[in-house]
N, C-alpha and C. Protein backbone atom coordinates (compact mmCIF):
# COMPACT_ATOMS: atom_id res chain seq x y z
N MET A 1 46.18 -64.43 100.12
CA MET A 1 45.08 -64.68 100.82
C MET A 1 45.06 -65.85 100.79
N SER A 2 45.06 -67.10 102.15
CA SER A 2 44.44 -68.34 101.84
C SER A 2 43.44 -68.81 102.60
N GLY A 3 43.30 -69.85 102.54
CA GLY A 3 42.12 -70.70 103.56
C GLY A 3 40.56 -70.24 103.08
N VAL A 4 39.61 -70.74 103.82
CA VAL A 4 38.44 -69.99 103.45
C VAL A 4 37.97 -68.81 104.35
N VAL A 5 37.34 -68.03 103.67
CA VAL A 5 36.75 -66.57 103.59
C VAL A 5 35.66 -66.47 104.80
N SER A 6 35.91 -66.19 105.60
CA SER A 6 34.77 -65.98 106.70
C SER A 6 33.83 -64.82 105.99
N THR A 7 32.73 -65.73 106.45
CA THR A 7 31.03 -64.47 106.05
C THR A 7 30.86 -63.34 107.25
N ASP A 8 31.59 -63.39 107.98
CA ASP A 8 31.12 -62.72 109.25
C ASP A 8 31.32 -61.28 109.07
N VAL A 9 31.95 -60.67 108.15
CA VAL A 9 31.87 -59.10 108.09
C VAL A 9 30.58 -59.10 106.98
N GLY A 10 30.53 -60.09 106.18
CA GLY A 10 29.35 -59.71 105.48
C GLY A 10 28.25 -60.15 106.14
N THR A 11 28.11 -60.35 107.18
CA THR A 11 26.74 -60.46 107.90
C THR A 11 26.78 -59.53 108.02
N ARG A 12 27.24 -58.80 108.92
CA ARG A 12 27.55 -57.08 109.63
C ARG A 12 27.17 -56.34 108.58
N PHE A 13 27.97 -56.65 107.64
CA PHE A 13 27.46 -55.41 106.68
C PHE A 13 26.09 -55.50 105.97
N LEU A 14 25.54 -56.28 105.72
CA LEU A 14 24.14 -56.89 105.16
C LEU A 14 23.03 -56.14 106.44
N GLU A 15 23.44 -56.93 107.92
CA GLU A 15 22.98 -56.23 108.13
C GLU A 15 22.58 -54.96 109.56
N ALA A 16 23.67 -54.08 108.84
CA ALA A 16 23.79 -52.72 108.54
C ALA A 16 23.22 -51.78 108.08
N LEU A 17 23.31 -52.27 106.98
CA LEU A 17 22.74 -51.56 105.08
C LEU A 17 21.13 -52.09 105.62
N GLY A 18 20.88 -53.36 106.04
CA GLY A 18 19.07 -53.09 106.34
C GLY A 18 18.90 -51.82 107.03
N ARG A 19 19.26 -51.71 108.42
CA ARG A 19 19.06 -50.88 109.46
C ARG A 19 19.39 -49.36 109.13
N ARG A 20 20.48 -49.09 108.33
CA ARG A 20 20.68 -47.88 107.32
C ARG A 20 21.63 -47.41 108.86
N ASP A 21 22.36 -48.17 108.99
CA ASP A 21 22.81 -48.13 110.05
C ASP A 21 24.28 -47.71 110.28
N TYR A 22 24.65 -46.29 109.62
CA TYR A 22 25.98 -45.88 108.68
C TYR A 22 27.37 -46.48 109.38
N GLU A 23 27.41 -45.49 110.76
CA GLU A 23 28.49 -46.38 111.93
C GLU A 23 28.57 -47.46 111.85
N THR A 24 27.66 -48.40 112.01
CA THR A 24 28.20 -50.10 111.98
C THR A 24 28.58 -50.25 110.81
N LEU A 25 27.79 -50.02 109.57
CA LEU A 25 28.09 -49.72 108.41
C LEU A 25 30.09 -49.88 107.80
N GLY A 26 30.46 -48.53 108.17
CA GLY A 26 31.46 -48.57 108.11
C GLY A 26 32.47 -49.20 109.11
N LEU A 27 32.03 -49.75 109.86
CA LEU A 27 33.00 -50.11 110.62
C LEU A 27 33.81 -51.89 110.42
N CYS A 28 32.70 -51.69 109.43
CA CYS A 28 33.12 -53.15 108.55
C CYS A 28 34.31 -53.07 107.39
N PHE A 29 34.57 -51.87 107.08
CA PHE A 29 35.93 -51.51 106.16
C PHE A 29 36.97 -50.89 107.45
N ALA A 30 37.64 -51.81 106.36
CA ALA A 30 38.96 -50.92 106.88
C ALA A 30 39.19 -49.57 106.87
N SER A 31 40.21 -48.93 107.84
CA SER A 31 39.87 -47.15 107.31
C SER A 31 40.27 -46.85 106.16
N ASP A 32 41.28 -47.82 104.87
CA ASP A 32 41.69 -47.15 104.15
C ASP A 32 40.96 -47.80 102.88
N ALA A 33 40.24 -48.26 103.03
CA ALA A 33 39.50 -49.70 102.07
C ALA A 33 39.08 -48.78 100.89
N THR A 34 39.04 -49.88 99.88
CA THR A 34 38.73 -48.99 98.56
C THR A 34 37.06 -49.15 97.69
N LEU A 35 36.58 -48.73 96.97
CA LEU A 35 35.50 -49.63 96.57
C LEU A 35 35.36 -49.19 95.12
N ARG A 36 35.09 -49.62 93.98
CA ARG A 36 34.63 -49.64 92.56
C ARG A 36 33.59 -50.41 92.20
N ALA A 37 32.47 -49.00 92.06
CA ALA A 37 31.37 -49.47 91.53
C ALA A 37 30.89 -49.52 90.26
N ILE A 38 30.59 -50.16 89.23
CA ILE A 38 29.69 -49.98 88.17
C ILE A 38 28.44 -49.76 88.35
N LEU A 39 27.51 -49.23 87.66
CA LEU A 39 26.14 -48.74 88.26
C LEU A 39 25.66 -48.22 87.04
N PRO A 40 24.40 -47.73 86.48
CA PRO A 40 24.36 -47.17 85.29
C PRO A 40 24.24 -45.45 86.53
N PRO A 41 24.73 -44.54 85.86
CA PRO A 41 25.22 -44.46 84.85
C PRO A 41 26.94 -44.76 84.29
N GLY A 42 27.30 -45.44 85.39
CA GLY A 42 28.95 -45.33 85.08
C GLY A 42 29.58 -45.89 86.49
N LEU A 43 31.02 -45.76 86.34
CA LEU A 43 31.90 -46.14 87.21
C LEU A 43 31.80 -45.15 88.25
N ARG A 44 31.85 -45.50 89.95
CA ARG A 44 32.26 -44.85 90.77
C ARG A 44 33.47 -45.49 91.55
N GLU A 45 34.21 -44.89 92.36
CA GLU A 45 35.29 -44.90 92.84
C GLU A 45 35.76 -44.18 93.96
N ASP A 46 35.67 -44.61 95.15
CA ASP A 46 35.94 -44.29 96.54
C ASP A 46 36.92 -44.95 97.47
N ASP A 47 37.72 -43.92 97.26
CA ASP A 47 38.98 -44.33 98.66
C ASP A 47 38.85 -43.88 100.05
N GLY A 48 38.82 -45.21 100.99
CA GLY A 48 38.52 -45.10 102.26
C GLY A 48 37.07 -44.98 103.05
N ARG A 49 37.44 -45.20 104.06
CA ARG A 49 35.56 -45.52 104.99
C ARG A 49 34.95 -44.84 105.27
N GLU A 50 35.15 -43.37 105.11
CA GLU A 50 34.08 -42.07 105.17
C GLU A 50 33.67 -42.39 103.51
N ALA A 51 34.32 -42.53 102.74
CA ALA A 51 34.04 -41.83 101.20
C ALA A 51 33.18 -43.41 101.29
N ILE A 52 33.29 -44.41 101.58
CA ILE A 52 32.61 -45.09 101.19
C ILE A 52 30.73 -44.96 101.90
N VAL A 53 31.09 -44.85 103.48
CA VAL A 53 29.83 -44.42 103.84
C VAL A 53 29.21 -43.73 103.16
N ARG A 54 30.05 -42.66 102.90
CA ARG A 54 29.07 -41.60 102.05
C ARG A 54 28.40 -42.34 100.59
N ARG A 55 28.94 -43.05 100.05
CA ARG A 55 28.58 -43.04 99.50
C ARG A 55 27.17 -44.45 99.73
N PHE A 56 27.23 -45.22 100.14
CA PHE A 56 25.99 -45.69 100.59
C PHE A 56 25.09 -45.10 101.02
N ARG A 57 25.50 -44.15 101.97
CA ARG A 57 24.22 -43.12 102.48
C ARG A 57 23.24 -42.19 101.16
N GLY A 58 24.28 -42.04 100.37
CA GLY A 58 23.45 -41.82 99.26
C GLY A 58 22.59 -42.00 98.40
N TRP A 59 23.14 -43.69 98.37
CA TRP A 59 22.42 -44.40 98.04
C TRP A 59 21.08 -45.13 98.31
N THR A 60 21.14 -45.03 99.83
CA THR A 60 20.06 -46.14 100.32
C THR A 60 18.97 -45.11 101.72
N GLU A 61 19.85 -43.95 101.93
CA GLU A 61 19.31 -42.84 103.11
C GLU A 61 17.63 -42.28 102.70
N ASP A 62 17.58 -42.00 101.90
CA ASP A 62 16.21 -40.98 101.50
C ASP A 62 15.16 -42.03 100.88
N ILE A 63 15.79 -43.20 101.14
CA ILE A 63 14.39 -44.52 100.30
C ILE A 63 13.08 -44.89 101.22
N ASP A 64 12.26 -44.10 101.30
CA ASP A 64 11.05 -44.23 102.05
C ASP A 64 10.66 -46.18 101.62
N GLU A 65 9.80 -46.34 102.83
CA GLU A 65 9.65 -47.96 102.68
C GLU A 65 10.15 -48.47 102.44
N PHE A 66 11.67 -48.47 103.22
CA PHE A 66 12.82 -49.47 102.60
C PHE A 66 12.76 -50.59 103.36
N GLU A 67 13.44 -51.42 102.43
CA GLU A 67 13.25 -53.11 103.03
C GLU A 67 14.11 -53.86 102.09
N VAL A 68 15.05 -54.42 103.24
CA VAL A 68 16.10 -55.53 102.45
C VAL A 68 14.74 -56.75 101.72
N LEU A 69 14.94 -57.01 100.66
CA LEU A 69 14.54 -58.33 99.79
C LEU A 69 14.82 -59.20 100.16
N ALA A 70 16.19 -59.57 99.75
CA ALA A 70 16.95 -60.63 99.42
C ALA A 70 18.33 -60.26 100.05
N ALA A 71 19.28 -61.27 101.00
CA ALA A 71 20.76 -60.91 101.00
C ALA A 71 21.35 -62.09 101.50
N ASP A 72 22.75 -62.14 100.99
CA ASP A 72 23.34 -63.40 101.29
C ASP A 72 24.79 -62.59 101.50
N ALA A 73 25.94 -63.51 101.98
CA ALA A 73 27.42 -63.49 102.18
C ALA A 73 27.82 -64.71 101.80
N GLU A 74 28.81 -65.01 100.54
CA GLU A 74 29.10 -66.20 100.82
C GLU A 74 30.72 -66.50 100.41
N PRO A 75 31.52 -67.76 100.64
CA PRO A 75 32.51 -67.33 100.10
C PRO A 75 32.62 -67.46 98.86
N CYS A 76 33.98 -67.05 97.84
CA CYS A 76 33.84 -67.36 96.36
C CYS A 76 35.08 -67.24 96.22
N ALA A 77 36.22 -68.83 96.33
CA ALA A 77 37.17 -68.73 96.37
C ALA A 77 38.24 -67.90 97.55
N ASP A 78 38.98 -66.96 97.55
CA ASP A 78 40.09 -65.89 98.41
C ASP A 78 39.09 -64.63 98.88
N LEU A 79 37.60 -64.37 98.18
CA LEU A 79 36.75 -62.84 98.57
C LEU A 79 35.64 -63.58 98.85
N LEU A 80 34.93 -62.62 99.62
CA LEU A 80 33.13 -62.59 99.95
C LEU A 80 32.86 -62.29 99.00
N ARG A 81 31.90 -62.87 98.39
CA ARG A 81 30.33 -62.81 97.49
C ARG A 81 29.52 -62.20 98.59
N ILE A 82 29.16 -60.96 98.51
CA ILE A 82 28.08 -60.44 99.18
C ILE A 82 26.83 -59.74 98.24
N ARG A 83 25.71 -60.49 98.34
CA ARG A 83 24.72 -59.42 97.13
C ARG A 83 23.65 -59.20 98.24
N TRP A 84 22.72 -58.33 97.66
CA TRP A 84 21.56 -57.63 98.20
C TRP A 84 20.88 -57.28 97.15
N GLU A 85 19.54 -57.38 97.36
CA GLU A 85 17.98 -56.73 96.77
C GLU A 85 17.77 -55.79 97.28
N LEU A 86 17.29 -54.33 97.83
CA LEU A 86 16.72 -53.77 98.49
C LEU A 86 15.18 -53.05 97.47
N GLY A 87 14.39 -52.90 97.89
CA GLY A 87 13.08 -52.15 97.76
C GLY A 87 12.58 -50.90 98.57
N GLY A 88 11.62 -50.55 97.88
CA GLY A 88 11.38 -48.80 98.28
C GLY A 88 10.84 -47.77 97.46
N LEU A 89 10.61 -46.56 97.90
CA LEU A 89 10.13 -45.64 97.04
C LEU A 89 11.52 -44.65 97.02
N ASP A 90 11.78 -44.67 95.61
CA ASP A 90 12.89 -43.86 95.90
C ASP A 90 12.44 -42.41 94.68
N PRO A 91 12.79 -41.08 96.35
CA PRO A 91 12.40 -39.85 95.80
C PRO A 91 13.29 -39.39 94.28
N HIS A 92 14.25 -40.31 93.88
CA HIS A 92 14.95 -39.96 92.60
C HIS A 92 13.55 -40.30 91.60
N PHE A 93 12.68 -41.34 91.46
CA PHE A 93 12.05 -41.93 90.70
C PHE A 93 10.78 -41.44 90.80
N ASP A 94 10.40 -40.09 91.16
CA ASP A 94 8.82 -39.61 92.21
C ASP A 94 8.14 -39.87 90.95
N GLY A 95 6.99 -40.67 91.55
CA GLY A 95 6.18 -41.03 90.46
C GLY A 95 6.13 -42.05 89.90
N GLU A 96 7.41 -42.85 89.84
CA GLU A 96 7.33 -43.98 89.08
C GLU A 96 7.17 -45.09 90.17
N GLY A 97 6.44 -45.13 90.94
CA GLY A 97 6.35 -46.81 91.97
C GLY A 97 7.49 -47.02 92.89
N ARG A 98 7.17 -48.15 93.15
CA ARG A 98 8.29 -49.10 93.97
C ARG A 98 9.30 -49.22 93.59
N SER A 99 10.30 -48.73 93.76
CA SER A 99 11.97 -49.84 93.19
C SER A 99 12.47 -50.69 93.95
N VAL A 100 13.14 -51.02 93.25
CA VAL A 100 14.08 -52.70 93.32
C VAL A 100 15.41 -52.06 92.75
N PHE A 101 16.59 -52.52 93.34
CA PHE A 101 17.79 -52.25 93.25
C PHE A 101 18.64 -53.63 93.83
N GLU A 102 19.14 -54.17 92.68
CA GLU A 102 19.79 -55.30 93.14
C GLU A 102 21.53 -54.96 92.91
N GLN A 103 22.13 -55.42 93.99
CA GLN A 103 23.57 -55.19 94.07
C GLN A 103 24.65 -56.53 94.51
N MET A 104 25.66 -56.57 93.83
CA MET A 104 26.37 -57.62 94.18
C MET A 104 28.12 -57.53 94.05
N ALA A 105 28.60 -57.85 95.16
CA ALA A 105 30.08 -57.41 95.68
C ALA A 105 30.58 -58.33 95.86
N TYR A 106 32.10 -58.35 95.23
CA TYR A 106 33.27 -58.99 95.28
C TYR A 106 33.93 -58.47 96.65
N ALA A 107 34.97 -58.66 97.47
CA ALA A 107 34.97 -58.24 98.88
C ALA A 107 36.50 -58.92 99.43
N GLU A 108 37.54 -58.18 99.56
CA GLU A 108 38.71 -58.73 99.76
C GLU A 108 38.97 -58.18 100.91
N VAL A 109 38.97 -59.20 102.19
CA VAL A 109 38.66 -59.39 103.47
C VAL A 109 40.30 -59.65 104.30
N GLU A 110 40.36 -58.57 104.98
CA GLU A 110 41.69 -58.90 105.65
C GLU A 110 41.31 -58.76 107.29
N GLY A 111 41.42 -59.48 108.12
CA GLY A 111 40.55 -59.82 109.35
C GLY A 111 39.73 -59.80 109.47
N ASP A 112 39.13 -59.03 109.97
CA ASP A 112 37.47 -58.67 110.12
C ASP A 112 36.95 -57.41 109.37
N SER A 113 37.79 -57.01 108.40
CA SER A 113 37.40 -55.96 107.75
C SER A 113 37.24 -55.77 106.24
N ILE A 114 36.59 -55.41 105.58
CA ILE A 114 36.58 -54.90 104.22
C ILE A 114 37.65 -54.27 103.71
N ALA A 115 38.73 -55.20 102.69
CA ALA A 115 39.90 -53.90 102.37
C ALA A 115 39.61 -53.40 101.06
N ALA A 116 38.81 -53.85 100.36
CA ALA A 116 38.19 -53.70 98.52
C ALA A 116 37.17 -54.49 98.51
N MET A 117 35.89 -53.49 97.92
CA MET A 117 35.11 -54.17 97.32
C MET A 117 34.43 -53.29 95.97
N ARG A 118 34.84 -54.53 95.10
CA ARG A 118 33.93 -54.60 93.50
C ARG A 118 32.72 -54.65 93.64
N LEU A 119 31.81 -53.77 92.81
CA LEU A 119 30.66 -53.80 93.02
C LEU A 119 29.58 -53.70 92.06
N ALA A 120 28.54 -54.55 91.68
CA ALA A 120 27.51 -53.83 90.21
C ALA A 120 26.79 -53.95 90.58
N CYS A 121 25.35 -52.60 90.17
CA CYS A 121 24.53 -52.97 90.22
C CYS A 121 23.50 -52.59 89.49
N THR A 122 22.45 -53.25 89.14
CA THR A 122 20.72 -53.51 88.36
C THR A 122 20.67 -52.06 87.95
N GLY A 123 20.57 -50.80 89.02
CA GLY A 123 20.11 -49.24 88.66
C GLY A 123 18.67 -50.24 88.75
N ARG A 124 18.20 -48.69 89.39
CA ARG A 124 16.87 -49.18 89.46
C ARG A 124 15.88 -49.49 88.64
N ARG A 125 15.36 -50.32 88.65
CA ARG A 125 14.19 -51.83 88.51
C ARG A 125 12.80 -51.04 88.84
N ALA A 126 11.70 -51.09 88.20
CA ALA A 126 10.38 -51.43 88.75
C ALA A 126 10.25 -52.36 89.24
N ALA A 127 9.22 -52.00 90.53
CA ALA A 127 8.52 -53.52 91.30
C ALA A 127 7.92 -53.86 90.66
N PRO A 128 7.79 -55.22 90.83
CA PRO A 128 6.70 -56.26 90.27
C PRO A 128 5.57 -55.74 91.34
């Protein structure tokens, strides 16, 4: 890869994630894209657009009062850095109040699609 990485696909990804529009989120990834995510409790790996969409759906679909607290996409050398912070009531932590999760990803972009994403997550944090 050479030149400046466009943030367009990162912006589309963040907008789709914020709406929990999984069809549009999937279109941000190449059909053979890969996801490597480190989060509590460990490594998660997904190959292919459908598997990646299932992963994001599993992470966000059931959160009540879901909201995007912060998000940005910026070039980082030949990668695209995408960061988002989500808040809401996660049923996996029932009775523990509002949760906050922050994820940071580095994406390899080919054309207008994410070909590979490496992601790190804070895990569930109690909202202030």
